[in-house]
Amino acid sequence: MTTLFWDSSNKPRIAFISSSDATNLIAKIFESLLMIVVILTEFSKLTLRTTIGFVVMGFVGFFMKLIFIPINNIIIGSV
C-alpha cells in the first residue's frame, strides 16, 4: 500500500506501508473511536446527574423559602 505524505518542505513523498502497519493503524483508529464513545457516555451520565442535582437543590431552596419566609414574618411582626 502506498500513501502520500508531505514533509517539512511541502514536497509530497511516497511512503510504503506494509499490511501489518495498515492493520495496526486501522485498529488504533477504531480503538480511538471506541474511547470517544466511552467518553461521550460518561459525559452524558455526568450531565444528567448534574442536572438532577440542580433541579433537586432548586426545589429544596424554593420550599425552604416557602416555609421560612412566613415564619420569619410572624416572628418579626410580633416584636
N, C-alpha and C. Protein backbone atom coordinates (compact mmCIF):
# COMPACT_ATOMS: atom_id res chain seq x y z
N MET A 1 0.85 -1.16 0.00
CA MET A 1 0.00 0.00 0.00
C MET A 1 0.90 1.23 0.00
N THR A 2 0.60 2.18 -0.85
CA THR A 2 1.39 3.41 -0.88
C THR A 2 0.53 4.55 -0.40
N THR A 3 1.13 5.45 0.32
CA THR A 3 0.42 6.65 0.77
C THR A 3 1.28 7.86 0.46
N LEU A 4 0.66 8.99 0.40
CA LEU A 4 1.33 10.22 0.06
C LEU A 4 1.48 11.06 1.31
N PHE A 5 2.69 11.45 1.64
CA PHE A 5 2.96 12.29 2.80
C PHE A 5 3.58 13.60 2.34
N TRP A 6 3.45 14.63 3.15
CA TRP A 6 4.12 15.89 2.89
C TRP A 6 5.14 16.11 3.98
N ASP A 7 6.36 16.40 3.58
CA ASP A 7 7.39 16.66 4.58
C ASP A 7 7.46 18.15 4.88
N SER A 8 8.46 18.58 5.62
CA SER A 8 8.53 19.98 6.06
C SER A 8 8.76 20.94 4.90
N SER A 9 9.26 20.48 3.78
CA SER A 9 9.49 21.36 2.63
C SER A 9 8.27 21.43 1.72
N ASN A 10 7.14 20.88 2.15
CA ASN A 10 5.89 20.88 1.39
C ASN A 10 6.01 20.16 0.06
N LYS A 11 6.93 19.23 -0.03
CA LYS A 11 7.05 18.40 -1.22
C LYS A 11 6.46 17.03 -0.90
N PRO A 12 5.58 16.56 -1.74
CA PRO A 12 5.00 15.25 -1.44
C PRO A 12 6.04 14.14 -1.62
N ARG A 13 5.97 13.16 -0.75
CA ARG A 13 6.83 12.00 -0.88
C ARG A 13 5.97 10.76 -0.67
N ILE A 14 6.36 9.69 -1.26
CA ILE A 14 5.60 8.45 -1.19
C ILE A 14 6.26 7.53 -0.18
N ALA A 15 5.44 6.97 0.70
CA ALA A 15 5.94 6.01 1.68
C ALA A 15 5.19 4.70 1.48
N PHE A 16 5.87 3.63 1.68
CA PHE A 16 5.26 2.31 1.54
C PHE A 16 4.93 1.78 2.93
N ILE A 17 3.68 1.37 3.10
CA ILE A 17 3.22 0.83 4.38
C ILE A 17 2.91 -0.64 4.18
N SER A 18 3.44 -1.46 5.05
CA SER A 18 3.14 -2.89 4.95
C SER A 18 1.72 -3.16 5.43
N SER A 19 1.23 -4.33 5.14
CA SER A 19 -0.15 -4.66 5.51
C SER A 19 -0.31 -4.72 7.02
N SER A 20 0.72 -5.16 7.75
CA SER A 20 0.60 -5.21 9.21
C SER A 20 0.53 -3.80 9.80
N ASP A 21 1.30 -2.86 9.21
CA ASP A 21 1.22 -1.48 9.67
C ASP A 21 -0.16 -0.89 9.39
N ALA A 22 -0.72 -1.24 8.24
CA ALA A 22 -2.05 -0.74 7.89
C ALA A 22 -3.10 -1.28 8.85
N THR A 23 -3.01 -2.56 9.19
CA THR A 23 -3.98 -3.12 10.13
C THR A 23 -3.81 -2.53 11.52
N ASN A 24 -2.55 -2.27 11.92
CA ASN A 24 -2.33 -1.62 13.21
C ASN A 24 -2.91 -0.21 13.22
N LEU A 25 -2.76 0.49 12.10
CA LEU A 25 -3.30 1.84 12.00
C LEU A 25 -4.83 1.81 12.08
N ILE A 26 -5.45 0.89 11.38
CA ILE A 26 -6.91 0.76 11.42
C ILE A 26 -7.37 0.39 12.82
N ALA A 27 -6.64 -0.51 13.48
CA ALA A 27 -7.00 -0.90 14.84
C ALA A 27 -6.91 0.28 15.80
N LYS A 28 -5.88 1.10 15.64
CA LYS A 28 -5.73 2.28 16.51
C LYS A 28 -6.86 3.28 16.26
N ILE A 29 -7.25 3.44 15.00
CA ILE A 29 -8.34 4.37 14.68
C ILE A 29 -9.64 3.89 15.32
N PHE A 30 -9.96 2.61 15.19
CA PHE A 30 -11.18 2.09 15.79
C PHE A 30 -11.13 2.15 17.31
N GLU A 31 -9.95 1.90 17.87
CA GLU A 31 -9.81 1.97 19.33
C GLU A 31 -10.04 3.40 19.82
N SER A 32 -9.53 4.38 19.09
CA SER A 32 -9.75 5.77 19.49
C SER A 32 -11.22 6.15 19.35
N LEU A 33 -11.89 5.62 18.31
CA LEU A 33 -13.32 5.90 18.16
C LEU A 33 -14.12 5.29 19.31
N LEU A 34 -13.75 4.09 19.74
CA LEU A 34 -14.44 3.47 20.87
C LEU A 34 -14.20 4.26 22.15
N MET A 35 -13.01 4.79 22.32
CA MET A 35 -12.73 5.61 23.50
C MET A 35 -13.58 6.88 23.49
N ILE A 36 -13.79 7.45 22.30
CA ILE A 36 -14.64 8.64 22.19
C ILE A 36 -16.06 8.29 22.60
N VAL A 37 -16.55 7.13 22.20
CA VAL A 37 -17.90 6.70 22.57
C VAL A 37 -18.00 6.53 24.08
N VAL A 38 -16.97 5.94 24.70
CA VAL A 38 -16.97 5.77 26.15
C VAL A 38 -16.95 7.12 26.84
N ILE A 39 -16.15 8.05 26.33
CA ILE A 39 -16.08 9.38 26.93
C ILE A 39 -17.42 10.09 26.79
N LEU A 40 -18.09 9.93 25.65
CA LEU A 40 -19.39 10.58 25.45
C LEU A 40 -20.45 10.00 26.38
N THR A 41 -20.42 8.69 26.61
CA THR A 41 -21.40 8.11 27.52
C THR A 41 -21.15 8.57 28.95
N GLU A 42 -19.88 8.66 29.35
CA GLU A 42 -19.57 9.17 30.69
C GLU A 42 -20.00 10.62 30.81
N PHE A 43 -19.78 11.41 29.75
CA PHE A 43 -20.17 12.82 29.78
C PHE A 43 -21.68 12.97 29.88
N SER A 44 -22.43 12.13 29.16
CA SER A 44 -23.89 12.23 29.22
C SER A 44 -24.40 11.84 30.60
N LYS A 45 -23.78 10.83 31.23
CA LYS A 45 -24.18 10.47 32.59
C LYS A 45 -23.88 11.60 33.56
N LEU A 46 -22.72 12.23 33.40
CA LEU A 46 -22.33 13.33 34.27
C LEU A 46 -23.27 14.51 34.13
N THR A 47 -23.63 14.87 32.89
CA THR A 47 -24.53 15.99 32.70
C THR A 47 -25.92 15.69 33.25
N LEU A 48 -26.39 14.46 33.10
CA LEU A 48 -27.70 14.09 33.64
C LEU A 48 -27.71 14.20 35.16
N ARG A 49 -26.67 13.69 35.80
CA ARG A 49 -26.61 13.76 37.27
C ARG A 49 -26.47 15.19 37.75
N THR A 50 -25.71 16.01 37.04
CA THR A 50 -25.58 17.42 37.41
C THR A 50 -26.92 18.14 37.27
N THR A 51 -27.64 17.87 36.21
CA THR A 51 -28.96 18.48 36.00
C THR A 51 -29.93 18.07 37.10
N ILE A 52 -29.93 16.80 37.45
CA ILE A 52 -30.80 16.33 38.53
C ILE A 52 -30.43 17.02 39.83
N GLY A 53 -29.14 17.19 40.09
CA GLY A 53 -28.70 17.88 41.31
C GLY A 53 -29.17 19.32 41.35
N PHE A 54 -29.07 20.04 40.22
CA PHE A 54 -29.55 21.42 40.18
C PHE A 54 -31.05 21.50 40.42
N VAL A 55 -31.80 20.58 39.82
CA VAL A 55 -33.26 20.59 39.99
C VAL A 55 -33.63 20.31 41.44
N VAL A 56 -32.99 19.32 42.06
CA VAL A 56 -33.29 18.99 43.45
C VAL A 56 -32.94 20.16 44.36
N MET A 57 -31.77 20.76 44.16
CA MET A 57 -31.37 21.90 45.01
C MET A 57 -32.29 23.09 44.79
N GLY A 58 -32.78 23.27 43.57
CA GLY A 58 -33.73 24.35 43.32
C GLY A 58 -35.03 24.14 44.07
N PHE A 59 -35.55 22.92 44.05
CA PHE A 59 -36.78 22.63 44.80
C PHE A 59 -36.57 22.77 46.30
N VAL A 60 -35.42 22.33 46.79
CA VAL A 60 -35.14 22.47 48.23
C VAL A 60 -35.11 23.94 48.61
N GLY A 61 -34.42 24.75 47.83
CA GLY A 61 -34.36 26.18 48.11
C GLY A 61 -35.73 26.84 48.03
N PHE A 62 -36.53 26.46 47.04
CA PHE A 62 -37.86 27.04 46.91
C PHE A 62 -38.73 26.72 48.12
N PHE A 63 -38.73 25.46 48.55
CA PHE A 63 -39.57 25.08 49.68
C PHE A 63 -39.04 25.65 50.99
N MET A 64 -37.73 25.82 51.12
CA MET A 64 -37.19 26.47 52.32
C MET A 64 -37.69 27.90 52.41
N LYS A 65 -37.66 28.63 51.30
CA LYS A 65 -38.18 30.00 51.31
C LYS A 65 -39.69 29.99 51.57
N LEU A 66 -40.39 29.05 50.95
CA LEU A 66 -41.83 28.98 51.11
C LEU A 66 -42.22 28.74 52.56
N ILE A 67 -41.43 28.00 53.29
CA ILE A 67 -41.74 27.70 54.70
C ILE A 67 -41.23 28.80 55.63
N PHE A 68 -40.00 29.26 55.44
CA PHE A 68 -39.38 30.12 56.44
C PHE A 68 -39.68 31.60 56.27
N ILE A 69 -40.08 32.07 55.11
CA ILE A 69 -40.43 33.49 54.99
C ILE A 69 -41.68 33.82 55.81
N PRO A 70 -42.77 33.05 55.76
CA PRO A 70 -43.92 33.37 56.63
C PRO A 70 -43.58 33.23 58.12
N ILE A 71 -42.77 32.24 58.49
CA ILE A 71 -42.38 32.09 59.89
C ILE A 71 -41.57 33.29 60.34
N ASN A 72 -40.66 33.75 59.48
CA ASN A 72 -39.84 34.92 59.80
C ASN A 72 -40.72 36.16 59.92
N ASN A 73 -41.71 36.32 59.07
CA ASN A 73 -42.61 37.47 59.15
C ASN A 73 -43.44 37.42 60.43
N ILE A 74 -43.84 36.24 60.87
CA ILE A 74 -44.60 36.12 62.12
C ILE A 74 -43.72 36.52 63.30
N ILE A 75 -42.47 36.05 63.30
CA ILE A 75 -41.56 36.38 64.40
C ILE A 75 -41.25 37.87 64.43
N ILE A 76 -40.92 38.46 63.30
CA ILE A 76 -40.58 39.89 63.25
C ILE A 76 -41.82 40.74 63.45
N GLY A 77 -42.96 40.31 62.95
CA GLY A 77 -44.19 41.10 63.09
C GLY A 77 -44.70 41.14 64.51
N SER A 78 -44.36 40.16 65.32
CA SER A 78 -44.85 40.13 66.70
C SER A 78 -44.01 40.99 67.63
N VAL A 79 -42.86 41.46 67.19
CA VAL A 79 -41.99 42.25 68.08
C VAL A 79 -42.44 43.65 68.13
